[in-house]
Amino acid sequence: MRGTPNLANCDVTAIDAPAAAQPLVVHCPRVNVLGTAVDVVNMEEALSQIALRFKYGNKGYICAVSVHGILEALRDSQVASALAGAALALPDGTPTVWVGRLRGHRTMDHVTGPAIMRQIFRRAEFSGYSHFFYGGKPGVADDLAAKICSQHPWIKVAGTDTPPFRPLTRDEEMRLIAKINRLCPDIIWVGISTPRQDLFMRHILPSLNTRMMFGVGAAFDFLTGRVHNCPAWIKCAGFNWLHRLMQDPRRLWRRNLQNTAFLWHIVLQLSELRKYPLPPSCRDREVEIETLSTPDCIN
């Protein structure tokens, strides 16, 4: 691991246990955004927590939480449960960061799907892990794998898969599980949009031999250049949605119109005119990171 983990917002306590298998308890603050617990992190803190989980933790999945995902969680308890069960719920979206800062978390910052991918590909502490790309239109995952290997020759790509634009049949799911368990990747990148990817990761992870799944939405399109990222000042001003809308208005106009409901709900929450309770599993901020048992690969 590169240097000392950056856990500025977290309290880390070692539990009295044998040195060979000493777990940690990580107390990390989270902010309640309309009943969804979003981790109070910036990029460095997120990477440090992910590195710790790779070194000590059980397998899990990481969600990039946007306004769209939070509103979906308000409407659907299954989506709410999927976000609540994430090992990390990253603040993907300016409004989630603004709410965190209004709650006193001044160092909280955006951690988007494309950005976390770029950093993990670049960072030395993650260089030994293998990757599997799941998502995108036909050919996109393969293009991404080729581009990443060209930019970072040390990256090991275990495989790719392009799912249909519908739920998998039971046979398709079993073939995917068998394929992943044969390849045994350390990291699975899932780019099939919110909330579909969050529900998918929660459902399928128990059957997979992997360490971590990341739901990264449109990151495959961003990293292959099919969609252009906006300048930092546009993102900080909260107009990333407009930049995306201009590039894909036919697909995104309805979602962006629905997302305006967030403004009404957040005013109600911040003014305490309405309560948005967290699920019971999110109220305890202690995360026990136990010694990792590396999954057995199927050869």
C-alpha atoms as a PDB file:
ATOM      1  CA  MET A   1       0.000   0.000   0.000  1.00  0.00           C
ATOM      2  CA  ARG A   2       1.250   3.451  -0.852  1.00  0.00           C
ATOM      3  CA  GLY A   3       2.184   5.279   2.363  1.00  0.00           C
ATOM      4  CA  THR A   4      -0.178   5.617   5.288  1.00  0.00           C
ATOM      5  CA  PRO A   5      -3.896   5.198   4.563  1.00  0.00           C
ATOM      6  CA  ASN A   6      -5.722   8.529   4.423  1.00  0.00           C
ATOM      7  CA  LEU A   7      -8.655   8.075   6.806  1.00  0.00           C
ATOM      8  CA  ALA A   8      -8.973  11.649   8.010  1.00  0.00           C
ATOM      9  CA  ASN A   9     -12.696  11.341   8.658  1.00  0.00           C
ATOM     10  CA  CYS A  10     -12.503   7.899  10.258  1.00  0.00           C
ATOM     11  CA  ASP A  11     -11.499   6.443  13.605  1.00  0.00           C
ATOM     12  CA  VAL A  12      -9.580   3.190  13.198  1.00  0.00           C
ATOM     13  CA  THR A  13      -9.306   0.865  16.179  1.00  0.00           C
ATOM     14  CA  ALA A  14      -7.516  -2.474  16.329  1.00  0.00           C
ATOM     15  CA  ILE A  15      -9.431  -5.253  18.079  1.00  0.00           C
ATOM     16  CA  ASP A  16      -7.564  -7.433  20.553  1.00  0.00           C
ATOM     17  CA  ALA A  17      -6.878 -10.518  18.436  1.00  0.00           C
ATOM     18  CA  PRO A  18      -3.966 -12.701  17.282  1.00  0.00           C
ATOM     19  CA  ALA A  19      -1.473 -10.718  15.237  1.00  0.00           C
ATOM     20  CA  ALA A  20      -1.878 -13.029  12.248  1.00  0.00           C
ATOM     21  CA  ALA A  21      -5.599 -12.307  11.982  1.00  0.00           C
ATOM     22  CA  GLN A  22      -6.140  -8.945  13.620  1.00  0.00           C
ATOM     23  CA  PRO A  23      -9.326  -7.239  12.438  1.00  0.00           C
ATOM     24  CA  LEU A  24      -9.931  -3.518  12.485  1.00  0.00           C
ATOM     25  CA  VAL A  25     -12.940  -1.461  13.370  1.00  0.00           C
ATOM     26  CA  VAL A  26     -13.304   1.563  11.111  1.00  0.00           C
ATOM     27  CA  HIS A  27     -15.662   4.306  12.299  1.00  0.00           C
ATOM     28  CA  CYS A  28     -16.468   6.332   9.169  1.00  0.00           C
ATOM     29  CA  PRO A  29     -19.098   9.085   9.100  1.00  0.00           C
ATOM     30  CA  ARG A  30     -21.933   8.953   6.625  1.00  0.00           C
ATOM     31  CA  VAL A  31     -24.458  11.612   5.752  1.00  0.00           C
ATOM     32  CA  ASN A  32     -28.176  10.952   5.443  1.00  0.00           C
ATOM     33  CA  VAL A  33     -29.386  12.131   2.019  1.00  0.00           C
ATOM     34  CA  LEU A  34     -33.136  11.463   1.824  1.00  0.00           C
ATOM     35  CA  GLY A  35     -32.759   8.193   3.717  1.00  0.00           C
ATOM     36  CA  THR A  36     -29.664   6.968   1.841  1.00  0.00           C
ATOM     37  CA  ALA A  37     -26.385   6.808   3.766  1.00  0.00           C
ATOM     38  CA  VAL A  38     -23.614   8.361   1.676  1.00  0.00           C
ATOM     39  CA  ASP A  39     -20.035   7.952   2.895  1.00  0.00           C
ATOM     40  CA  VAL A  40     -18.248  11.175   3.842  1.00  0.00           C
ATOM     41  CA  VAL A  41     -15.156  10.808   1.670  1.00  0.00           C
ATOM     42  CA  ASN A  42     -13.084  12.558  -0.930  1.00  0.00           C
ATOM     43  CA  MET A  43     -11.052  10.683  -3.532  1.00  0.00           C
ATOM     44  CA  GLU A  44      -7.998  10.013  -1.336  1.00  0.00           C
ATOM     45  CA  GLU A  45     -10.117   8.826   1.582  1.00  0.00           C
ATOM     46  CA  ALA A  46     -12.189   6.585  -0.684  1.00  0.00           C
ATOM     47  CA  LEU A  47      -9.056   4.997  -2.157  1.00  0.00           C
ATOM     48  CA  SER A  48      -7.625   4.434   1.306  1.00  0.00           C
ATOM     49  CA  GLN A  49     -10.793   2.721   2.500  1.00  0.00           C
ATOM     50  CA  ILE A  50     -10.889   0.553  -0.618  1.00  0.00           C
ATOM     51  CA  ALA A  51      -7.227  -0.430  -0.117  1.00  0.00           C
ATOM     52  CA  LEU A  52      -7.966  -1.379   3.498  1.00  0.00           C
ATOM     53  CA  ARG A  53     -10.918  -3.499   2.440  1.00  0.00           C
ATOM     54  CA  PHE A  54      -8.813  -5.304  -0.137  1.00  0.00           C
ATOM     55  CA  LYS A  55      -6.160  -6.019   2.470  1.00  0.00           C
ATOM     56  CA  TYR A  56      -8.390  -6.956   5.411  1.00  0.00           C
ATOM     57  CA  GLY A  57     -12.035  -7.124   4.416  1.00  0.00           C
ATOM     58  CA  ASN A  58     -14.560  -9.588   3.125  1.00  0.00           C
ATOM     59  CA  LYS A  59     -15.777  -9.255  -0.434  1.00  0.00           C
ATOM     60  CA  GLY A  60     -18.282  -6.493  -1.122  1.00  0.00           C
ATOM     61  CA  TYR A  61     -19.659  -4.070  -3.656  1.00  0.00           C
ATOM     62  CA  ILE A  62     -19.293  -0.303  -4.019  1.00  0.00           C
ATOM     63  CA  CYS A  63     -22.014   2.017  -5.301  1.00  0.00           C
ATOM     64  CA  ALA A  64     -21.590   5.448  -6.840  1.00  0.00           C
ATOM     65  CA  VAL A  65     -24.609   7.260  -5.380  1.00  0.00           C
ATOM     66  CA  SER A  66     -26.168   9.968  -7.516  1.00  0.00           C
ATOM     67  CA  VAL A  67     -29.371  11.995  -7.250  1.00  0.00           C
ATOM     68  CA  HIS A  68     -31.049   9.506  -9.567  1.00  0.00           C
ATOM     69  CA  GLY A  69     -30.065   6.586  -7.338  1.00  0.00           C
ATOM     70  CA  ILE A  70     -31.260   8.351  -4.179  1.00  0.00           C
ATOM     71  CA  LEU A  71     -34.662   9.086  -5.734  1.00  0.00           C
ATOM     72  CA  GLU A  72     -34.931   5.485  -6.927  1.00  0.00           C
ATOM     73  CA  ALA A  73     -34.215   4.354  -3.365  1.00  0.00           C
ATOM     74  CA  LEU A  74     -37.063   6.579  -2.134  1.00  0.00           C
ATOM     75  CA  ARG A  75     -39.456   4.842  -4.525  1.00  0.00           C
ATOM     76  CA  ASP A  76     -38.209   1.272  -4.230  1.00  0.00           C
ATOM     77  CA  SER A  77     -37.240  -0.485  -0.998  1.00  0.00           C
ATOM     78  CA  GLN A  78     -35.148  -3.028  -2.925  1.00  0.00           C
ATOM     79  CA  VAL A  79     -32.959  -0.239  -4.303  1.00  0.00           C
ATOM     80  CA  ALA A  80     -32.729   1.259  -0.810  1.00  0.00           C
ATOM     81  CA  SER A  81     -31.576  -2.111   0.549  1.00  0.00           C
ATOM     82  CA  ALA A  82     -28.998  -2.470  -2.225  1.00  0.00           C
ATOM     83  CA  LEU A  83     -27.471   0.947  -1.452  1.00  0.00           C
ATOM     84  CA  ALA A  84     -27.595   0.242   2.289  1.00  0.00           C
ATOM     85  CA  GLY A  85     -25.700  -3.023   1.785  1.00  0.00           C
ATOM     86  CA  ALA A  86     -22.802  -1.449  -0.110  1.00  0.00           C
ATOM     87  CA  ALA A  87     -19.321  -1.597   1.362  1.00  0.00           C
ATOM     88  CA  LEU A  88     -19.010   2.054   0.305  1.00  0.00           C
ATOM     89  CA  ALA A  89     -21.615   4.483  -1.015  1.00  0.00           C
ATOM     90  CA  LEU A  90     -19.559   7.067  -2.890  1.00  0.00           C
ATOM     91  CA  PRO A  91     -20.778  10.677  -3.317  1.00  0.00           C
ATOM     92  CA  ASP A  92     -21.252  10.688  -7.078  1.00  0.00           C
ATOM     93  CA  GLY A  93     -22.975  13.982  -7.797  1.00  0.00           C
ATOM     94  CA  THR A  94     -22.711  17.589  -6.705  1.00  0.00           C
ATOM     95  CA  PRO A  95     -25.968  17.660  -4.689  1.00  0.00           C
ATOM     96  CA  THR A  96     -24.825  14.788  -2.435  1.00  0.00           C
ATOM     97  CA  VAL A  97     -21.599  16.690  -1.739  1.00  0.00           C
ATOM     98  CA  TRP A  98     -23.476  19.919  -1.033  1.00  0.00           C
ATOM     99  CA  VAL A  99     -25.706  18.162   1.505  1.00  0.00           C
ATOM    100  CA  GLY A 100     -22.650  16.664   3.212  1.00  0.00           C
ATOM    101  CA  ARG A 101     -20.947  20.038   3.447  1.00  0.00           C
ATOM    102  CA  LEU A 102     -24.116  21.660   4.805  1.00  0.00           C
ATOM    103  CA  ARG A 103     -24.007  18.981   7.514  1.00  0.00           C
ATOM    104  CA  GLY A 104     -20.496  20.094   8.464  1.00  0.00           C
ATOM    105  CA  HIS A 105     -18.355  17.680   6.424  1.00  0.00           C
ATOM    106  CA  ARG A 106     -16.167  20.274   4.706  1.00  0.00           C
ATOM    107  CA  THR A 107     -13.689  17.836   3.153  1.00  0.00           C
ATOM    108  CA  MET A 108     -16.342  15.741   1.403  1.00  0.00           C
ATOM    109  CA  ASP A 109     -15.963  15.796  -2.379  1.00  0.00           C
ATOM    110  CA  HIS A 110     -17.086  14.082  -5.569  1.00  0.00           C
ATOM    111  CA  VAL A 111     -15.972  10.511  -6.160  1.00  0.00           C
ATOM    112  CA  THR A 112     -17.442   9.535  -9.513  1.00  0.00           C
ATOM    113  CA  GLY A 113     -17.352   6.169 -11.247  1.00  0.00           C
ATOM    114  CA  PRO A 114     -14.986   7.215 -14.066  1.00  0.00           C
ATOM    115  CA  ALA A 115     -12.669   9.007 -11.610  1.00  0.00           C
ATOM    116  CA  ILE A 116     -12.383   6.059  -9.219  1.00  0.00           C
ATOM    117  CA  MET A 117     -11.619   3.758 -12.164  1.00  0.00           C
ATOM    118  CA  ARG A 118      -8.841   6.037 -13.433  1.00  0.00           C
ATOM    119  CA  GLN A 119      -7.237   6.244 -10.007  1.00  0.00           C
ATOM    120  CA  ILE A 120      -7.355   2.511  -9.326  1.00  0.00           C
ATOM    121  CA  PHE A 121      -5.761   1.800 -12.714  1.00  0.00           C
ATOM    122  CA  ARG A 122      -2.971   4.299 -11.963  1.00  0.00           C
ATOM    123  CA  ARG A 123      -2.200   3.599  -8.311  1.00  0.00           C
ATOM    124  CA  ALA A 124       0.595   1.257  -7.272  1.00  0.00           C
ATOM    125  CA  GLU A 125      -1.348  -0.247  -4.360  1.00  0.00           C
ATOM    126  CA  PHE A 126      -3.889  -1.715  -6.791  1.00  0.00           C
ATOM    127  CA  SER A 127      -1.458  -2.792  -9.523  1.00  0.00           C
ATOM    128  CA  GLY A 128      -1.531  -6.490  -8.617  1.00  0.00           C
ATOM    129  CA  TYR A 129      -5.280  -6.925  -9.002  1.00  0.00           C
ATOM    130  CA  SER A 130      -7.044  -8.340 -12.061  1.00  0.00           C
ATOM    131  CA  HIS A 131     -10.095  -6.732 -13.669  1.00  0.00           C
ATOM    132  CA  PHE A 132     -13.309  -7.856 -15.354  1.00  0.00           C
ATOM    133  CA  PHE A 133     -15.492  -5.415 -17.322  1.00  0.00           C
ATOM    134  CA  TYR A 134     -19.233  -6.083 -17.394  1.00  0.00           C
ATOM    135  CA  GLY A 135     -21.553  -3.711 -19.232  1.00  0.00           C
ATOM    136  CA  GLY A 136     -21.824  -1.249 -22.079  1.00  0.00           C
ATOM    137  CA  LYS A 137     -23.082  -1.644 -25.596  1.00  0.00           C
ATOM    138  CA  PRO A 138     -21.599  -4.438 -27.748  1.00  0.00           C
ATOM    139  CA  GLY A 139     -17.861  -3.912 -28.152  1.00  0.00           C
ATOM    140  CA  VAL A 140     -17.515  -1.193 -25.512  1.00  0.00           C
ATOM    141  CA  ALA A 141     -16.128  -3.427 -22.749  1.00  0.00           C
ATOM    142  CA  ASP A 142     -13.571  -4.907 -25.164  1.00  0.00           C
ATOM    143  CA  ASP A 143     -12.577  -1.418 -26.342  1.00  0.00           C
ATOM    144  CA  LEU A 144     -12.169  -0.304 -22.747  1.00  0.00           C
ATOM    145  CA  ALA A 145     -10.003  -3.304 -21.902  1.00  0.00           C
ATOM    146  CA  ALA A 146      -7.755  -2.633 -24.899  1.00  0.00           C
ATOM    147  CA  LYS A 147      -7.447   1.063 -24.084  1.00  0.00           C
ATOM    148  CA  ILE A 148      -6.668   0.464 -20.407  1.00  0.00           C
ATOM    149  CA  CYS A 149      -3.998  -2.123 -21.273  1.00  0.00           C
ATOM    150  CA  SER A 150      -2.466   0.303 -23.761  1.00  0.00           C
ATOM    151  CA  GLN A 151      -2.346   3.145 -21.223  1.00  0.00           C
ATOM    152  CA  HIS A 152      -1.312   0.973 -18.254  1.00  0.00           C
ATOM    153  CA  PRO A 153       0.609  -2.088 -19.482  1.00  0.00           C
ATOM    154  CA  TRP A 154       0.780  -3.570 -15.973  1.00  0.00           C
ATOM    155  CA  ILE A 155      -3.010  -3.944 -15.811  1.00  0.00           C
ATOM    156  CA  LYS A 156      -4.274  -7.521 -15.956  1.00  0.00           C
ATOM    157  CA  VAL A 157      -7.667  -7.867 -17.622  1.00  0.00           C
ATOM    158  CA  ALA A 158      -9.242 -11.200 -16.750  1.00  0.00           C
ATOM    159  CA  GLY A 159     -12.187 -10.832 -19.119  1.00  0.00           C
ATOM    160  CA  THR A 160     -15.171  -8.873 -20.406  1.00  0.00           C
ATOM    161  CA  ASP A 161     -18.877  -9.452 -20.909  1.00  0.00           C
ATOM    162  CA  THR A 162     -21.640  -7.430 -22.563  1.00  0.00           C
ATOM    163  CA  PRO A 163     -25.077  -8.150 -21.064  1.00  0.00           C
ATOM    164  CA  PRO A 164     -28.383  -7.795 -22.919  1.00  0.00           C
ATOM    165  CA  PHE A 165     -30.514  -4.699 -22.260  1.00  0.00           C
ATOM    166  CA  ARG A 166     -32.891  -6.684 -20.072  1.00  0.00           C
ATOM    167  CA  PRO A 167     -32.690  -8.847 -16.957  1.00  0.00           C
ATOM    168  CA  LEU A 168     -30.632 -12.002 -17.389  1.00  0.00           C
ATOM    169  CA  THR A 169     -32.422 -15.305 -17.708  1.00  0.00           C
ATOM    170  CA  ARG A 170     -31.504 -17.970 -15.175  1.00  0.00           C
ATOM    171  CA  ASP A 171     -29.367 -19.795 -17.756  1.00  0.00           C
ATOM    172  CA  GLU A 172     -27.572 -16.559 -18.736  1.00  0.00           C
ATOM    173  CA  GLU A 173     -26.900 -15.779 -15.094  1.00  0.00           C
ATOM    174  CA  MET A 174     -25.485 -19.243 -14.430  1.00  0.00           C
ATOM    175  CA  ARG A 175     -23.192 -18.961 -17.481  1.00  0.00           C
ATOM    176  CA  LEU A 176     -21.970 -15.572 -16.294  1.00  0.00           C
ATOM    177  CA  ILE A 177     -21.299 -16.926 -12.792  1.00  0.00           C
ATOM    178  CA  ALA A 178     -19.384 -19.878 -14.224  1.00  0.00           C
ATOM    179  CA  LYS A 179     -17.337 -17.587 -16.486  1.00  0.00           C
ATOM    180  CA  ILE A 180     -16.377 -15.204 -13.686  1.00  0.00           C
ATOM    181  CA  ASN A 181     -15.596 -18.005 -11.251  1.00  0.00           C
ATOM    182  CA  ARG A 182     -13.338 -19.609 -13.856  1.00  0.00           C
ATOM    183  CA  LEU A 183     -11.455 -16.335 -14.419  1.00  0.00           C
ATOM    184  CA  CYS A 184     -11.511 -15.310 -10.718  1.00  0.00           C
ATOM    185  CA  PRO A 185     -10.984 -11.535 -11.164  1.00  0.00           C
ATOM    186  CA  ASP A 186     -10.190  -9.417  -8.145  1.00  0.00           C
ATOM    187  CA  ILE A 187     -12.315  -6.480  -9.344  1.00  0.00           C
ATOM    188  CA  ILE A 188     -15.503  -6.519 -11.413  1.00  0.00           C
ATOM    189  CA  TRP A 189     -16.488  -3.197 -12.977  1.00  0.00           C
ATOM    190  CA  VAL A 190     -20.243  -3.050 -13.615  1.00  0.00           C
ATOM    191  CA  GLY A 191     -21.481  -0.416 -16.047  1.00  0.00           C
ATOM    192  CA  ILE A 192     -25.205  -1.036 -16.587  1.00  0.00           C
ATOM    193  CA  SER A 193     -26.727   2.147 -15.051  1.00  0.00           C
ATOM    194  CA  THR A 194     -28.411   2.905 -11.741  1.00  0.00           C
ATOM    195  CA  PRO A 195     -30.339   1.281 -10.098  1.00  0.00           C
ATOM    196  CA  ARG A 196     -29.984  -1.830 -12.244  1.00  0.00           C
ATOM    197  CA  GLN A 197     -26.302  -2.231 -11.425  1.00  0.00           C
ATOM    198  CA  ASP A 198     -26.837  -1.840  -7.670  1.00  0.00           C
ATOM    199  CA  LEU A 199     -29.555  -4.504  -7.610  1.00  0.00           C
ATOM    200  CA  PHE A 200     -27.427  -6.749  -9.826  1.00  0.00           C
ATOM    201  CA  MET A 201     -24.339  -6.521  -7.588  1.00  0.00           C
ATOM    202  CA  ARG A 202     -26.316  -7.194  -4.421  1.00  0.00           C
ATOM    203  CA  HIS A 203     -27.981 -10.212  -6.001  1.00  0.00           C
ATOM    204  CA  ILE A 204     -25.044 -11.884  -7.727  1.00  0.00           C
ATOM    205  CA  LEU A 205     -22.047 -11.137  -5.480  1.00  0.00           C
ATOM    206  CA  PRO A 206     -22.637 -14.067  -3.064  1.00  0.00           C
ATOM    207  CA  SER A 207     -22.221 -16.473  -5.997  1.00  0.00           C
ATOM    208  CA  LEU A 208     -18.993 -14.966  -7.354  1.00  0.00           C
ATOM    209  CA  ASN A 209     -15.335 -15.649  -6.623  1.00  0.00           C
ATOM    210  CA  THR A 210     -14.125 -12.065  -6.576  1.00  0.00           C
ATOM    211  CA  ARG A 211     -13.018  -9.448  -4.067  1.00  0.00           C
ATOM    212  CA  MET A 212     -14.882  -6.291  -5.018  1.00  0.00           C
ATOM    213  CA  MET A 213     -17.557  -5.133  -7.440  1.00  0.00           C
ATOM    214  CA  PHE A 214     -17.887  -1.479  -8.472  1.00  0.00           C
ATOM    215  CA  GLY A 215     -21.037   0.009  -9.959  1.00  0.00           C
ATOM    216  CA  VAL A 216     -19.751   2.767 -12.240  1.00  0.00           C
ATOM    217  CA  GLY A 217     -22.668   3.615 -14.538  1.00  0.00           C
ATOM    218  CA  ALA A 218     -21.583   5.298 -17.771  1.00  0.00           C
ATOM    219  CA  ALA A 219     -17.872   5.111 -16.928  1.00  0.00           C
ATOM    220  CA  PHE A 220     -17.178   2.703 -19.814  1.00  0.00           C
ATOM    221  CA  ASP A 221     -18.433   5.333 -22.265  1.00  0.00           C
ATOM    222  CA  PHE A 222     -16.434   8.094 -20.571  1.00  0.00           C
ATOM    223  CA  LEU A 223     -13.177   6.152 -20.522  1.00  0.00           C
ATOM    224  CA  THR A 224     -13.456   5.043 -24.148  1.00  0.00           C
ATOM    225  CA  GLY A 225     -14.237   8.591 -25.280  1.00  0.00           C
ATOM    226  CA  ARG A 226     -17.810   7.889 -26.398  1.00  0.00           C
ATOM    227  CA  VAL A 227     -19.051  10.459 -23.865  1.00  0.00           C
ATOM    228  CA  HIS A 228     -17.018  13.546 -23.001  1.00  0.00           C
ATOM    229  CA  ASN A 229     -16.494  14.540 -19.387  1.00  0.00           C
ATOM    230  CA  CYS A 230     -17.282  18.088 -18.356  1.00  0.00           C
ATOM    231  CA  PRO A 231     -14.712  20.602 -17.066  1.00  0.00           C
ATOM    232  CA  ALA A 232     -14.192  20.648 -13.303  1.00  0.00           C
ATOM    233  CA  TRP A 233     -15.804  24.082 -12.917  1.00  0.00           C
ATOM    234  CA  ILE A 234     -19.047  22.841 -14.491  1.00  0.00           C
ATOM    235  CA  LYS A 235     -19.094  19.867 -12.126  1.00  0.00           C
ATOM    236  CA  CYS A 236     -18.426  22.044  -9.078  1.00  0.00           C
ATOM    237  CA  ALA A 237     -21.216  24.412 -10.142  1.00  0.00           C
ATOM    238  CA  GLY A 238     -23.636  21.502 -10.219  1.00  0.00           C
ATOM    239  CA  PHE A 239     -24.269  21.486 -13.976  1.00  0.00           C
ATOM    240  CA  ASN A 240     -22.756  18.104 -14.840  1.00  0.00           C
ATOM    241  CA  TRP A 241     -26.295  16.876 -15.572  1.00  0.00           C
ATOM    242  CA  LEU A 242     -26.720  19.569 -18.239  1.00  0.00           C
ATOM    243  CA  HIS A 243     -23.422  18.645 -19.900  1.00  0.00           C
ATOM    244  CA  ARG A 244     -24.559  14.990 -20.057  1.00  0.00           C
ATOM    245  CA  LEU A 245     -28.029  15.949 -21.258  1.00  0.00           C
ATOM    246  CA  MET A 246     -26.618  17.908 -24.191  1.00  0.00           C
ATOM    247  CA  GLN A 247     -24.687  14.816 -25.321  1.00  0.00           C
ATOM    248  CA  ASP A 248     -27.566  12.336 -24.999  1.00  0.00           C
ATOM    249  CA  PRO A 249     -30.867  14.243 -24.794  1.00  0.00           C
ATOM    250  CA  ARG A 250     -33.081  11.437 -26.114  1.00  0.00           C
ATOM    251  CA  ARG A 251     -32.112   9.047 -23.313  1.00  0.00           C
ATOM    252  CA  LEU A 252     -31.589  11.467 -20.431  1.00  0.00           C
ATOM    253  CA  TRP A 253     -34.295  14.148 -20.701  1.00  0.00           C
ATOM    254  CA  ARG A 254     -36.905  12.143 -18.807  1.00  0.00           C
ATOM    255  CA  ARG A 255     -34.486  11.176 -16.029  1.00  0.00           C
ATOM    256  CA  ASN A 256     -33.326  14.768 -15.546  1.00  0.00           C
ATOM    257  CA  LEU A 257     -36.918  15.987 -15.403  1.00  0.00           C
ATOM    258  CA  GLN A 258     -37.709  13.402 -12.731  1.00  0.00           C
ATOM    259  CA  ASN A 259     -34.560  14.346 -10.802  1.00  0.00           C
ATOM    260  CA  THR A 260     -35.934  17.834 -10.130  1.00  0.00           C
ATOM    261  CA  ALA A 261     -37.994  16.175  -7.365  1.00  0.00           C
ATOM    262  CA  PHE A 262     -34.744  15.992  -5.389  1.00  0.00           C
ATOM    263  CA  LEU A 263     -34.856  19.746  -4.754  1.00  0.00           C
ATOM    264  CA  TRP A 264     -38.295  19.508  -3.127  1.00  0.00           C
ATOM    265  CA  HIS A 265     -37.344  16.530  -0.982  1.00  0.00           C
ATOM    266  CA  ILE A 266     -34.030  17.973   0.166  1.00  0.00           C
ATOM    267  CA  VAL A 267     -35.703  21.235   1.229  1.00  0.00           C
ATOM    268  CA  LEU A 268     -38.137  19.180   3.308  1.00  0.00           C
ATOM    269  CA  GLN A 269     -35.281  17.222   4.892  1.00  0.00           C
ATOM    270  CA  LEU A 270     -32.999  20.163   5.631  1.00  0.00           C
ATOM    271  CA  SER A 271     -35.872  22.192   7.087  1.00  0.00           C
ATOM    272  CA  GLU A 272     -36.891  19.113   9.141  1.00  0.00           C
ATOM    273  CA  LEU A 273     -40.447  19.328   7.827  1.00  0.00           C
ATOM    274  CA  ARG A 274     -40.178  15.660   6.849  1.00  0.00           C
ATOM    275  CA  LYS A 275     -38.113  12.809   8.226  1.00  0.00           C
ATOM    276  CA  TYR A 276     -36.105  10.559   5.926  1.00  0.00           C
ATOM    277  CA  PRO A 277     -34.874   7.795   8.267  1.00  0.00           C
ATOM    278  CA  LEU A 278     -31.938   5.594   7.355  1.00  0.00           C
ATOM    279  CA  PRO A 279     -32.476   1.838   7.151  1.00  0.00           C
ATOM    280  CA  PRO A 280     -31.606   0.161  10.482  1.00  0.00           C
ATOM    281  CA  SER A 281     -28.460  -1.415   8.985  1.00  0.00           C
ATOM    282  CA  CYS A 282     -27.078   2.065   8.195  1.00  0.00           C
ATOM    283  CA  ARG A 283     -27.426   3.613  11.629  1.00  0.00           C
ATOM    284  CA  ASP A 284     -24.336   1.901  13.023  1.00  0.00           C
ATOM    285  CA  ARG A 285     -21.270   3.551  11.503  1.00  0.00           C
ATOM    286  CA  GLU A 286     -18.822   0.940  12.733  1.00  0.00           C
ATOM    287  CA  VAL A 287     -17.453  -1.321  10.025  1.00  0.00           C
ATOM    288  CA  GLU A 288     -15.474  -4.336  11.208  1.00  0.00           C
ATOM    289  CA  ILE A 289     -12.843  -5.248   8.651  1.00  0.00           C
ATOM    290  CA  GLU A 290     -11.932  -8.859   9.184  1.00  0.00           C
ATOM    291  CA  THR A 291      -9.015 -10.809   7.777  1.00  0.00           C
ATOM    292  CA  LEU A 292      -9.610 -11.481   4.105  1.00  0.00           C
ATOM    293  CA  SER A 293     -10.160 -15.035   3.000  1.00  0.00           C
ATOM    294  CA  THR A 294      -9.162 -15.059  -0.659  1.00  0.00           C
ATOM    295  CA  PRO A 295     -11.814 -16.951  -2.676  1.00  0.00           C
ATOM    296  CA  ASP A 296     -10.840 -20.247  -4.217  1.00  0.00           C
ATOM    297  CA  CYS A 297     -10.687 -20.107  -7.992  1.00  0.00           C
ATOM    298  CA  ILE A 298     -12.312 -22.726 -10.120  1.00  0.00           C
ATOM    299  CA  ASN A 299      -9.706 -23.949 -12.567  1.00  0.00           C
END
